[in-house]
N, C-alpha and C. Protein backbone atom coordinates (compact mmCIF):
# COMPACT_ATOMS: atom_id res chain seq x y z
N MET A 1 0.81 -1.20 0.00
CA MET A 1 0.00 0.00 0.00
C MET A 1 0.85 1.26 0.00
N THR A 2 1.97 1.25 0.72
CA THR A 2 2.82 2.43 0.79
C THR A 2 3.40 2.78 -0.57
N ARG A 3 3.81 1.76 -1.34
CA ARG A 3 4.37 2.02 -2.67
C ARG A 3 3.29 2.60 -3.59
N LEU A 4 2.08 2.03 -3.52
CA LEU A 4 0.96 2.53 -4.31
C LEU A 4 0.59 3.94 -3.88
N SER A 5 0.60 4.20 -2.57
CA SER A 5 0.32 5.55 -2.05
C SER A 5 1.34 6.55 -2.57
N LYS A 6 2.62 6.15 -2.58
CA LYS A 6 3.67 7.05 -3.05
C LYS A 6 3.49 7.38 -4.52
N LEU A 7 3.12 6.38 -5.32
CA LEU A 7 2.89 6.62 -6.74
C LEU A 7 1.69 7.55 -6.95
N GLY A 8 0.62 7.30 -6.20
CA GLY A 8 -0.57 8.15 -6.30
C GLY A 8 -0.26 9.58 -5.91
N CYS A 9 0.49 9.76 -4.84
CA CYS A 9 0.84 11.11 -4.40
C CYS A 9 1.78 11.80 -5.38
N ALA A 10 2.70 11.04 -5.97
CA ALA A 10 3.61 11.62 -6.96
C ALA A 10 2.84 12.10 -8.19
N PHE A 11 1.81 11.37 -8.57
CA PHE A 11 1.05 11.72 -9.77
C PHE A 11 -0.06 12.72 -9.49
N TRP A 12 -0.92 12.47 -8.49
CA TRP A 12 -2.09 13.29 -8.22
C TRP A 12 -1.86 14.37 -7.17
N GLY A 13 -0.86 14.21 -6.33
CA GLY A 13 -0.62 15.13 -5.23
C GLY A 13 -0.98 14.47 -3.90
N HIS A 14 -0.59 15.09 -2.83
CA HIS A 14 -0.84 14.55 -1.49
C HIS A 14 -2.27 14.83 -1.05
N ALA A 15 -2.83 13.91 -0.28
CA ALA A 15 -4.19 14.06 0.24
C ALA A 15 -4.21 15.04 1.41
N VAL A 16 -5.27 15.84 1.48
CA VAL A 16 -5.48 16.76 2.60
C VAL A 16 -6.85 16.49 3.20
N ASP A 17 -6.93 16.58 4.53
CA ASP A 17 -8.20 16.36 5.22
C ASP A 17 -8.16 17.08 6.56
N ASN A 18 -8.96 18.13 6.69
CA ASN A 18 -8.97 18.92 7.92
C ASN A 18 -9.40 18.10 9.13
N HIS A 19 -10.23 17.08 8.94
CA HIS A 19 -10.62 16.22 10.07
C HIS A 19 -9.38 15.53 10.64
N VAL A 20 -8.53 15.02 9.77
CA VAL A 20 -7.29 14.35 10.19
C VAL A 20 -6.33 15.35 10.82
N PHE A 21 -6.17 16.51 10.18
CA PHE A 21 -5.26 17.53 10.71
C PHE A 21 -5.68 17.98 12.10
N ARG A 22 -6.96 18.22 12.30
CA ARG A 22 -7.47 18.71 13.58
C ARG A 22 -7.24 17.69 14.69
N ALA A 23 -7.37 16.41 14.38
CA ALA A 23 -7.23 15.35 15.38
C ALA A 23 -5.77 15.02 15.70
N SER A 24 -4.86 15.47 14.87
CA SER A 24 -3.45 15.12 15.04
C SER A 24 -2.79 15.94 16.14
N ALA A 25 -1.94 15.28 16.91
CA ALA A 25 -1.15 15.98 17.92
C ALA A 25 0.20 16.42 17.35
N ARG A 26 0.54 15.91 16.15
CA ARG A 26 1.83 16.22 15.53
C ARG A 26 1.85 17.61 14.93
N GLN A 27 2.98 18.27 15.05
CA GLN A 27 3.16 19.56 14.40
C GLN A 27 3.77 19.41 13.02
N ASP A 28 4.57 18.37 12.82
CA ASP A 28 5.13 18.12 11.49
C ASP A 28 4.16 17.20 10.74
N ARG A 29 3.62 17.69 9.67
CA ARG A 29 2.61 16.93 8.93
C ARG A 29 3.28 15.90 8.03
N ARG A 30 2.66 14.73 7.99
CA ARG A 30 3.10 13.66 7.10
C ARG A 30 1.88 13.14 6.37
N CYS A 31 2.03 12.97 5.06
CA CYS A 31 0.96 12.40 4.24
C CYS A 31 0.84 10.92 4.56
N ARG A 32 -0.28 10.33 4.17
CA ARG A 32 -0.46 8.90 4.40
C ARG A 32 0.56 8.06 3.63
N CYS A 33 1.22 8.67 2.62
CA CYS A 33 2.29 7.96 1.90
C CYS A 33 3.60 7.98 2.69
N GLY A 34 3.64 8.76 3.77
CA GLY A 34 4.82 8.83 4.62
C GLY A 34 5.67 10.07 4.41
N ALA A 35 5.43 10.82 3.35
CA ALA A 35 6.26 11.99 3.05
C ALA A 35 5.86 13.18 3.92
N PRO A 36 6.86 13.95 4.39
CA PRO A 36 6.53 15.19 5.10
C PRO A 36 5.98 16.20 4.09
N TYR A 37 4.99 16.99 4.52
CA TYR A 37 4.40 17.96 3.59
C TYR A 37 3.74 19.10 4.33
N LEU A 38 3.30 20.09 3.56
CA LEU A 38 2.68 21.30 4.10
C LEU A 38 3.56 21.96 5.16
N ARG A 39 4.82 22.08 4.82
CA ARG A 39 5.75 22.77 5.71
C ARG A 39 5.48 24.27 5.68
N GLU A 40 5.97 24.94 6.69
CA GLU A 40 5.79 26.38 6.79
C GLU A 40 7.08 27.14 6.50
N ASP A 41 7.98 26.51 5.77
CA ASP A 41 9.28 27.10 5.48
C ASP A 41 9.41 27.60 4.04
N GLY A 42 8.30 27.69 3.31
CA GLY A 42 8.35 28.14 1.92
C GLY A 42 8.42 27.03 0.91
N THR A 43 8.54 25.79 1.37
CA THR A 43 8.58 24.63 0.48
C THR A 43 7.22 24.45 -0.20
N VAL A 44 7.25 24.13 -1.48
CA VAL A 44 6.01 23.89 -2.22
C VAL A 44 5.57 22.44 -2.02
N THR A 45 4.27 22.24 -1.80
CA THR A 45 3.68 20.90 -1.67
C THR A 45 2.61 20.74 -2.74
N HIS A 46 2.66 19.63 -3.44
CA HIS A 46 1.65 19.30 -4.45
C HIS A 46 0.50 18.58 -3.74
N VAL A 47 -0.68 19.22 -3.69
CA VAL A 47 -1.85 18.62 -3.04
C VAL A 47 -2.89 18.26 -4.08
N ARG A 48 -3.60 17.15 -3.86
CA ARG A 48 -4.61 16.69 -4.81
C ARG A 48 -5.96 17.33 -4.53
N HIS A 49 -6.83 17.24 -5.51
CA HIS A 49 -8.22 17.65 -5.32
C HIS A 49 -8.90 16.65 -4.39
N THR A 50 -9.77 17.13 -3.52
CA THR A 50 -10.59 16.26 -2.68
C THR A 50 -11.87 16.02 -3.47
N LEU A 51 -11.93 14.88 -4.16
CA LEU A 51 -13.02 14.63 -5.11
C LEU A 51 -14.40 14.61 -4.46
N SER A 52 -14.49 14.16 -3.20
CA SER A 52 -15.80 14.15 -2.55
C SER A 52 -16.36 15.57 -2.43
N CYS A 53 -15.49 16.55 -2.20
CA CYS A 53 -15.93 17.95 -2.13
C CYS A 53 -16.20 18.49 -3.54
N PHE A 54 -15.33 18.17 -4.47
CA PHE A 54 -15.45 18.71 -5.83
C PHE A 54 -16.68 18.17 -6.56
N LEU A 55 -16.98 16.90 -6.39
CA LEU A 55 -18.08 16.29 -7.13
C LEU A 55 -19.42 16.39 -6.42
N ARG A 56 -19.41 16.40 -5.07
CA ARG A 56 -20.68 16.50 -4.33
C ARG A 56 -20.88 17.92 -3.81
N HIS A 57 -20.26 18.23 -2.69
CA HIS A 57 -20.38 19.57 -2.13
C HIS A 57 -19.35 19.75 -1.04
N HIS A 58 -19.07 21.01 -0.74
CA HIS A 58 -18.25 21.39 0.41
C HIS A 58 -19.18 21.62 1.59
N THR A 59 -18.66 21.40 2.80
CA THR A 59 -19.37 21.76 4.02
C THR A 59 -18.56 22.86 4.69
N TYR A 60 -19.18 24.03 4.88
CA TYR A 60 -18.47 25.21 5.36
C TYR A 60 -18.87 25.62 6.77
N VAL A 61 -17.90 26.19 7.48
CA VAL A 61 -18.11 26.84 8.77
C VAL A 61 -17.48 28.24 8.69
N ARG A 62 -17.99 29.17 9.50
CA ARG A 62 -17.45 30.54 9.51
C ARG A 62 -16.06 30.53 10.11
N LEU A 63 -15.13 31.16 9.41
CA LEU A 63 -13.76 31.29 9.89
C LEU A 63 -13.55 32.68 10.51
N ALA A 64 -14.00 33.73 9.81
CA ALA A 64 -13.73 35.08 10.31
C ALA A 64 -14.64 36.09 9.64
N ASP A 65 -14.82 37.20 10.32
CA ASP A 65 -15.42 38.40 9.75
C ASP A 65 -14.28 39.39 9.68
N ARG A 66 -13.89 39.78 8.47
CA ARG A 66 -12.73 40.65 8.31
C ARG A 66 -12.81 41.44 7.01
N ASP A 67 -12.23 42.59 7.00
CA ASP A 67 -12.12 43.41 5.80
C ASP A 67 -13.47 43.61 5.10
N GLY A 68 -14.53 43.73 5.88
CA GLY A 68 -15.85 43.95 5.30
C GLY A 68 -16.42 42.72 4.61
N ALA A 69 -15.93 41.54 5.00
CA ALA A 69 -16.37 40.30 4.35
C ALA A 69 -16.51 39.20 5.39
N HIS A 70 -17.26 38.17 5.02
CA HIS A 70 -17.39 36.96 5.84
C HIS A 70 -16.59 35.86 5.15
N GLU A 71 -15.75 35.20 5.93
CA GLU A 71 -14.90 34.13 5.39
C GLU A 71 -15.32 32.80 5.99
N TYR A 72 -15.40 31.79 5.14
CA TYR A 72 -15.77 30.43 5.54
C TYR A 72 -14.69 29.47 5.07
N VAL A 73 -14.65 28.28 5.70
CA VAL A 73 -13.68 27.27 5.29
C VAL A 73 -14.35 25.90 5.28
N CYS A 74 -14.01 25.08 4.29
CA CYS A 74 -14.55 23.72 4.20
C CYS A 74 -13.94 22.86 5.31
N VAL A 75 -14.80 22.15 6.02
CA VAL A 75 -14.36 21.34 7.16
C VAL A 75 -13.51 20.16 6.73
N LYS A 76 -13.53 19.80 5.45
CA LYS A 76 -12.73 18.67 4.98
C LYS A 76 -11.50 19.11 4.20
N CYS A 77 -11.70 19.83 3.08
CA CYS A 77 -10.58 20.10 2.17
C CYS A 77 -9.88 21.43 2.39
N GLY A 78 -10.45 22.33 3.21
CA GLY A 78 -9.81 23.60 3.48
C GLY A 78 -10.09 24.69 2.46
N HIS A 79 -10.98 24.44 1.51
CA HIS A 79 -11.35 25.45 0.50
C HIS A 79 -12.07 26.60 1.20
N PRO A 80 -11.60 27.84 1.02
CA PRO A 80 -12.29 28.97 1.64
C PRO A 80 -13.33 29.60 0.71
N LEU A 81 -14.26 30.30 1.30
CA LEU A 81 -15.21 31.16 0.59
C LEU A 81 -15.11 32.53 1.23
N LEU A 82 -15.29 33.57 0.43
CA LEU A 82 -15.22 34.94 0.94
C LEU A 82 -16.31 35.76 0.27
N TYR A 83 -17.25 36.25 1.08
CA TYR A 83 -18.36 37.06 0.56
C TYR A 83 -18.34 38.43 1.21
N PRO A 84 -18.48 39.51 0.41
CA PRO A 84 -18.67 40.83 1.01
C PRO A 84 -19.91 40.79 1.91
N GLU A 85 -19.89 41.52 3.03
CA GLU A 85 -20.97 41.47 4.01
C GLU A 85 -22.36 41.67 3.39
N GLY A 86 -22.50 42.59 2.46
CA GLY A 86 -23.80 42.89 1.89
C GLY A 86 -24.33 41.87 0.90
N SER A 87 -23.49 40.93 0.45
CA SER A 87 -23.94 39.97 -0.54
C SER A 87 -23.71 38.51 -0.11
N ASP A 88 -23.59 38.29 1.19
CA ASP A 88 -23.36 36.93 1.71
C ASP A 88 -24.68 36.19 1.85
N PRO A 89 -24.91 35.15 1.02
CA PRO A 89 -26.17 34.42 1.12
C PRO A 89 -26.25 33.48 2.33
N PHE A 90 -25.13 33.32 3.04
CA PHE A 90 -25.07 32.37 4.16
C PHE A 90 -24.86 33.05 5.50
N THR A 91 -25.05 34.35 5.57
CA THR A 91 -24.71 35.13 6.75
C THR A 91 -25.39 34.65 8.03
N GLU A 92 -26.56 34.05 7.94
CA GLU A 92 -27.30 33.60 9.11
C GLU A 92 -27.02 32.15 9.49
N ARG A 93 -26.16 31.46 8.76
CA ARG A 93 -25.93 30.03 9.01
C ARG A 93 -24.57 29.79 9.66
N ALA A 94 -24.55 28.90 10.64
CA ALA A 94 -23.29 28.51 11.28
C ALA A 94 -22.54 27.48 10.43
N THR A 95 -23.30 26.60 9.78
CA THR A 95 -22.74 25.57 8.91
C THR A 95 -23.65 25.45 7.69
N PHE A 96 -23.07 25.20 6.53
CA PHE A 96 -23.87 25.00 5.32
C PHE A 96 -23.09 24.20 4.30
N THR A 97 -23.82 23.64 3.35
CA THR A 97 -23.18 22.92 2.24
C THR A 97 -23.36 23.75 0.98
N LYS A 98 -22.39 23.63 0.08
CA LYS A 98 -22.44 24.37 -1.18
C LYS A 98 -21.71 23.58 -2.25
N LYS A 99 -22.35 23.44 -3.39
CA LYS A 99 -21.72 22.79 -4.54
C LYS A 99 -20.73 23.74 -5.19
N VAL A 100 -19.79 23.17 -5.89
CA VAL A 100 -18.84 23.95 -6.67
C VAL A 100 -19.59 24.61 -7.82
N ARG A 101 -19.27 25.84 -8.12
CA ARG A 101 -19.87 26.52 -9.27
C ARG A 101 -18.98 26.24 -10.48
N TYR A 102 -19.34 25.22 -11.23
CA TYR A 102 -18.49 24.74 -12.33
C TYR A 102 -18.35 25.77 -13.45
N LEU A 103 -19.37 26.59 -13.69
CA LEU A 103 -19.29 27.58 -14.77
C LEU A 103 -18.17 28.60 -14.52
N CYS A 104 -18.04 29.04 -13.26
CA CYS A 104 -16.95 29.97 -12.94
C CYS A 104 -15.61 29.29 -13.16
N GLY A 105 -15.51 28.04 -12.75
CA GLY A 105 -14.26 27.32 -12.93
C GLY A 105 -13.91 27.14 -14.40
N LEU A 106 -14.92 26.96 -15.22
CA LEU A 106 -14.72 26.72 -16.65
C LEU A 106 -14.43 28.02 -17.41
N PHE A 107 -15.22 29.07 -17.15
CA PHE A 107 -15.10 30.30 -17.92
C PHE A 107 -14.32 31.41 -17.22
N GLY A 108 -13.99 31.21 -15.97
CA GLY A 108 -13.24 32.21 -15.23
C GLY A 108 -14.09 32.90 -14.17
N HIS A 109 -13.45 33.32 -13.11
CA HIS A 109 -14.11 34.00 -12.01
C HIS A 109 -14.03 35.52 -12.24
N ARG A 110 -15.18 36.19 -12.25
CA ARG A 110 -15.21 37.65 -12.31
C ARG A 110 -15.01 38.13 -10.88
N VAL A 111 -13.92 38.81 -10.64
CA VAL A 111 -13.51 39.10 -9.26
C VAL A 111 -13.53 40.59 -8.96
N GLN A 112 -13.61 40.86 -7.66
CA GLN A 112 -13.44 42.21 -7.14
C GLN A 112 -12.40 42.14 -6.03
N GLN A 113 -11.64 43.22 -5.87
CA GLN A 113 -10.61 43.27 -4.85
C GLN A 113 -11.24 43.44 -3.48
N VAL A 114 -10.73 42.69 -2.50
CA VAL A 114 -11.21 42.77 -1.13
C VAL A 114 -10.24 43.56 -0.27
N THR A 115 -8.96 43.18 -0.30
CA THR A 115 -7.96 43.83 0.53
C THR A 115 -6.57 43.46 0.03
N GLU A 116 -5.57 44.04 0.67
CA GLU A 116 -4.19 43.63 0.46
C GLU A 116 -3.70 43.09 1.79
N ARG A 117 -3.12 41.88 1.75
CA ARG A 117 -2.62 41.27 2.98
C ARG A 117 -1.53 40.25 2.67
N ASP A 118 -0.61 40.11 3.59
CA ASP A 118 0.45 39.11 3.51
C ASP A 118 1.20 39.13 2.17
N GLY A 119 1.35 40.32 1.59
CA GLY A 119 2.08 40.46 0.34
C GLY A 119 1.26 40.13 -0.91
N PHE A 120 -0.04 39.95 -0.77
CA PHE A 120 -0.92 39.61 -1.88
C PHE A 120 -2.07 40.60 -1.95
N THR A 121 -2.71 40.64 -3.12
CA THR A 121 -4.00 41.29 -3.27
C THR A 121 -5.02 40.17 -3.21
N GLU A 122 -6.02 40.35 -2.35
CA GLU A 122 -7.06 39.31 -2.20
C GLU A 122 -8.28 39.70 -3.02
N TYR A 123 -8.78 38.75 -3.78
CA TYR A 123 -9.95 38.92 -4.63
C TYR A 123 -11.02 37.92 -4.25
N THR A 124 -12.27 38.24 -4.60
CA THR A 124 -13.35 37.28 -4.46
C THR A 124 -14.28 37.38 -5.66
N CYS A 125 -14.86 36.23 -6.01
CA CYS A 125 -15.85 36.14 -7.08
C CYS A 125 -17.24 36.15 -6.45
N HIS A 126 -18.26 36.43 -7.22
CA HIS A 126 -19.63 36.41 -6.69
C HIS A 126 -20.02 35.02 -6.19
N CYS A 127 -19.32 33.97 -6.64
CA CYS A 127 -19.60 32.60 -6.16
C CYS A 127 -18.94 32.34 -4.81
N GLY A 128 -18.10 33.28 -4.33
CA GLY A 128 -17.43 33.13 -3.05
C GLY A 128 -15.99 32.67 -3.14
N HIS A 129 -15.56 32.20 -4.30
CA HIS A 129 -14.19 31.72 -4.47
C HIS A 129 -13.24 32.89 -4.32
N SER A 130 -12.22 32.71 -3.50
CA SER A 130 -11.25 33.78 -3.29
C SER A 130 -9.90 33.42 -3.89
N PHE A 131 -9.09 34.44 -4.10
CA PHE A 131 -7.75 34.28 -4.67
C PHE A 131 -6.80 35.23 -3.98
N LEU A 132 -5.55 34.82 -3.86
CA LEU A 132 -4.46 35.68 -3.39
C LEU A 132 -3.47 35.78 -4.55
N ARG A 133 -3.33 36.99 -5.09
CA ARG A 133 -2.48 37.19 -6.26
C ARG A 133 -1.47 38.30 -6.01
N GLY A 134 -0.39 38.28 -6.75
CA GLY A 134 0.65 39.30 -6.62
C GLY A 134 0.30 40.61 -7.29
N GLU A 135 -0.60 40.56 -8.29
CA GLU A 135 -0.92 41.78 -9.03
C GLU A 135 -2.23 42.40 -8.54
N THR A 136 -2.37 43.69 -8.79
CA THR A 136 -3.62 44.39 -8.47
C THR A 136 -4.38 44.65 -9.77
N GLY A 137 -5.67 44.93 -9.64
CA GLY A 137 -6.47 45.31 -10.79
C GLY A 137 -7.04 44.17 -11.62
N ALA A 138 -6.96 42.95 -11.14
CA ALA A 138 -7.52 41.82 -11.89
C ALA A 138 -9.04 41.93 -11.94
N LYS A 139 -9.64 41.58 -13.05
CA LYS A 139 -11.09 41.57 -13.22
C LYS A 139 -11.62 40.16 -13.42
N LYS A 140 -10.81 39.27 -13.99
CA LYS A 140 -11.21 37.89 -14.22
C LYS A 140 -10.00 36.99 -13.95
N ILE A 141 -10.23 35.93 -13.19
CA ILE A 141 -9.15 34.98 -12.89
C ILE A 141 -9.61 33.59 -13.33
N ARG A 142 -8.75 32.94 -14.08
CA ARG A 142 -9.03 31.58 -14.55
C ARG A 142 -8.06 30.62 -13.88
N HIS A 143 -8.55 29.42 -13.64
CA HIS A 143 -7.66 28.36 -13.16
C HIS A 143 -6.91 27.81 -14.36
N PRO A 144 -5.60 27.76 -14.32
CA PRO A 144 -4.86 27.14 -15.43
C PRO A 144 -5.24 25.66 -15.54
N LEU A 145 -5.16 25.12 -16.73
CA LEU A 145 -5.47 23.70 -16.93
C LEU A 145 -4.58 22.81 -16.06
N ALA A 146 -3.36 23.27 -15.80
CA ALA A 146 -2.46 22.48 -14.94
C ALA A 146 -3.08 22.26 -13.57
N CYS A 147 -3.75 23.28 -13.02
CA CYS A 147 -4.38 23.14 -11.70
C CYS A 147 -5.57 22.18 -11.78
N PHE A 148 -6.29 22.23 -12.87
CA PHE A 148 -7.44 21.34 -13.02
C PHE A 148 -6.98 19.88 -13.11
N PHE A 149 -5.97 19.61 -13.92
CA PHE A 149 -5.55 18.23 -14.16
C PHE A 149 -4.62 17.67 -13.09
N ARG A 150 -3.68 18.47 -12.61
CA ARG A 150 -2.72 17.92 -11.64
C ARG A 150 -2.94 18.45 -10.23
N ALA A 151 -3.94 19.33 -10.06
CA ALA A 151 -4.28 19.94 -8.77
C ALA A 151 -3.33 21.09 -8.46
N HIS A 152 -3.07 21.37 -7.18
CA HIS A 152 -2.41 22.61 -6.80
C HIS A 152 -1.05 22.39 -6.16
N ARG A 153 -0.15 23.33 -6.45
CA ARG A 153 1.17 23.38 -5.80
C ARG A 153 1.11 24.55 -4.83
N VAL A 154 1.07 24.24 -3.53
CA VAL A 154 0.82 25.27 -2.53
C VAL A 154 2.04 25.59 -1.68
N ARG A 155 2.07 26.84 -1.23
CA ARG A 155 3.14 27.35 -0.38
C ARG A 155 2.50 28.07 0.80
N PHE A 156 3.11 27.96 1.99
CA PHE A 156 2.60 28.58 3.22
C PHE A 156 2.53 30.10 3.10
N VAL A 157 1.44 30.67 3.65
CA VAL A 157 1.27 32.13 3.70
C VAL A 157 1.32 32.62 5.14
N THR A 158 0.41 32.12 6.01
CA THR A 158 0.33 32.61 7.38
C THR A 158 -0.49 31.64 8.23
N ARG A 159 -0.42 31.80 9.52
CA ARG A 159 -1.30 31.09 10.46
C ARG A 159 -2.32 32.08 10.99
N ARG A 160 -3.57 31.62 11.06
CA ARG A 160 -4.59 32.47 11.66
C ARG A 160 -5.79 31.63 12.08
N ARG A 161 -6.32 31.95 13.26
CA ARG A 161 -7.55 31.36 13.79
C ARG A 161 -7.59 29.83 13.74
N GLY A 162 -6.48 29.21 14.11
CA GLY A 162 -6.43 27.75 14.17
C GLY A 162 -6.18 27.06 12.84
N TYR A 163 -5.79 27.82 11.83
CA TYR A 163 -5.50 27.27 10.51
C TYR A 163 -4.17 27.77 10.00
N ALA A 164 -3.54 26.97 9.16
CA ALA A 164 -2.38 27.41 8.40
C ALA A 164 -2.88 27.65 6.98
N GLU A 165 -2.65 28.86 6.47
CA GLU A 165 -3.13 29.21 5.13
C GLU A 165 -2.01 29.01 4.11
N TYR A 166 -2.38 28.43 2.98
CA TYR A 166 -1.46 28.17 1.87
C TYR A 166 -2.07 28.77 0.61
N VAL A 167 -1.24 29.03 -0.39
CA VAL A 167 -1.74 29.56 -1.66
C VAL A 167 -1.10 28.79 -2.81
N CYS A 168 -1.90 28.52 -3.84
CA CYS A 168 -1.40 27.83 -5.03
C CYS A 168 -0.47 28.76 -5.79
N GLU A 169 0.69 28.25 -6.14
CA GLU A 169 1.69 29.01 -6.89
C GLU A 169 1.21 29.37 -8.30
N ASP A 170 0.31 28.58 -8.85
CA ASP A 170 -0.08 28.75 -10.24
C ASP A 170 -1.33 29.60 -10.43
N CYS A 171 -2.34 29.44 -9.56
CA CYS A 171 -3.61 30.15 -9.78
C CYS A 171 -3.97 31.13 -8.67
N GLY A 172 -3.31 31.05 -7.52
CA GLY A 172 -3.63 31.94 -6.41
C GLY A 172 -4.75 31.45 -5.51
N HIS A 173 -5.18 30.21 -5.70
CA HIS A 173 -6.25 29.62 -4.88
C HIS A 173 -5.71 29.40 -3.46
N PRO A 174 -6.36 30.00 -2.44
CA PRO A 174 -5.91 29.75 -1.07
C PRO A 174 -6.57 28.50 -0.48
N PHE A 175 -5.94 27.94 0.53
CA PHE A 175 -6.47 26.82 1.30
C PHE A 175 -6.16 27.07 2.76
N CYS A 176 -7.08 26.68 3.64
CA CYS A 176 -6.88 26.80 5.08
C CYS A 176 -6.90 25.41 5.69
N PHE A 177 -5.74 24.94 6.15
CA PHE A 177 -5.62 23.61 6.72
C PHE A 177 -5.56 23.70 8.24
N ALA A 178 -6.44 22.96 8.89
CA ALA A 178 -6.55 23.01 10.35
C ALA A 178 -5.24 22.63 11.02
N LEU A 179 -4.94 23.34 12.09
CA LEU A 179 -3.79 22.99 12.92
C LEU A 179 -4.24 21.97 13.95
N GLY A 180 -3.36 21.09 14.36
CA GLY A 180 -3.68 20.16 15.44
C GLY A 180 -3.89 20.94 16.73
N ALA A 181 -4.25 20.25 17.78
CA ALA A 181 -4.57 20.91 19.05
C ALA A 181 -3.44 21.82 19.54
N GLU A 182 -2.20 21.33 19.48
CA GLU A 182 -1.06 22.14 19.94
C GLU A 182 -0.86 23.36 19.06
N GLY A 183 -0.94 23.19 17.74
CA GLY A 183 -0.75 24.30 16.81
C GLY A 183 -1.83 25.35 16.93
N ALA A 184 -3.08 24.92 17.11
CA ALA A 184 -4.18 25.85 17.26
C ALA A 184 -4.03 26.66 18.54
N GLU A 185 -3.60 25.98 19.62
CA GLU A 185 -3.40 26.67 20.89
C GLU A 185 -2.27 27.69 20.78
N ALA A 186 -1.18 27.30 20.12
CA ALA A 186 -0.04 28.22 19.94
C ALA A 186 -0.45 29.41 19.08
N ALA A 187 -1.27 29.19 18.03
CA ALA A 187 -1.72 30.28 17.16
C ALA A 187 -2.61 31.24 17.95
N THR A 188 -3.44 30.72 18.82
CA THR A 188 -4.32 31.54 19.64
C THR A 188 -3.51 32.40 20.60
N LEU A 189 -2.49 31.81 21.24
CA LEU A 189 -1.65 32.55 22.18
C LEU A 189 -0.86 33.64 21.46
N THR A 190 -0.38 33.34 20.24
CA THR A 190 0.38 34.31 19.48
C THR A 190 -0.49 35.49 19.06
N ALA A 191 -1.75 35.20 18.71
CA ALA A 191 -2.68 36.26 18.27
C ALA A 191 -3.13 37.15 19.42
N ALA A 192 -3.09 36.64 20.65
CA ALA A 192 -3.60 37.39 21.81
C ALA A 192 -2.66 38.50 22.23
């Protein structure tokens, strides 16, 4: 199984699961194939798509209210959503499910700028999909075919609210991966 896992991870990327991350006491993350990954030292990690979320739906919880927007994160794959306060269709819900908006993924996300943070300009689409990009003034963001077929190559951005945030090097798609109990506690103490 380990050899097969290594081949799968080499081809499709490493598996991510916030349920597993949250339950872990380890600070150094290891994929089920045994490889260390999702480091916070600038190393790029190739992560796979979580097909159960992509094909069925994401389950979201509120992460933060910030910069005039409501931010949510998928409890399994770490996919965030970001809605301006005035246009958030989920503002009254603590937890909700949402399908992927395939048309935006196919034809591109029409985005508006939310803020500048951590060396990036943050954008959001009306579907809630957010991006962290180096340039300002973007109006439409498309996922490169490489991200669709081989998934994402992510690099650490910051820790916040019990999550480590990463961004795809190719498309700017952010992900929020849950910290284990020790990491979440340390992040809370640092923020205080």
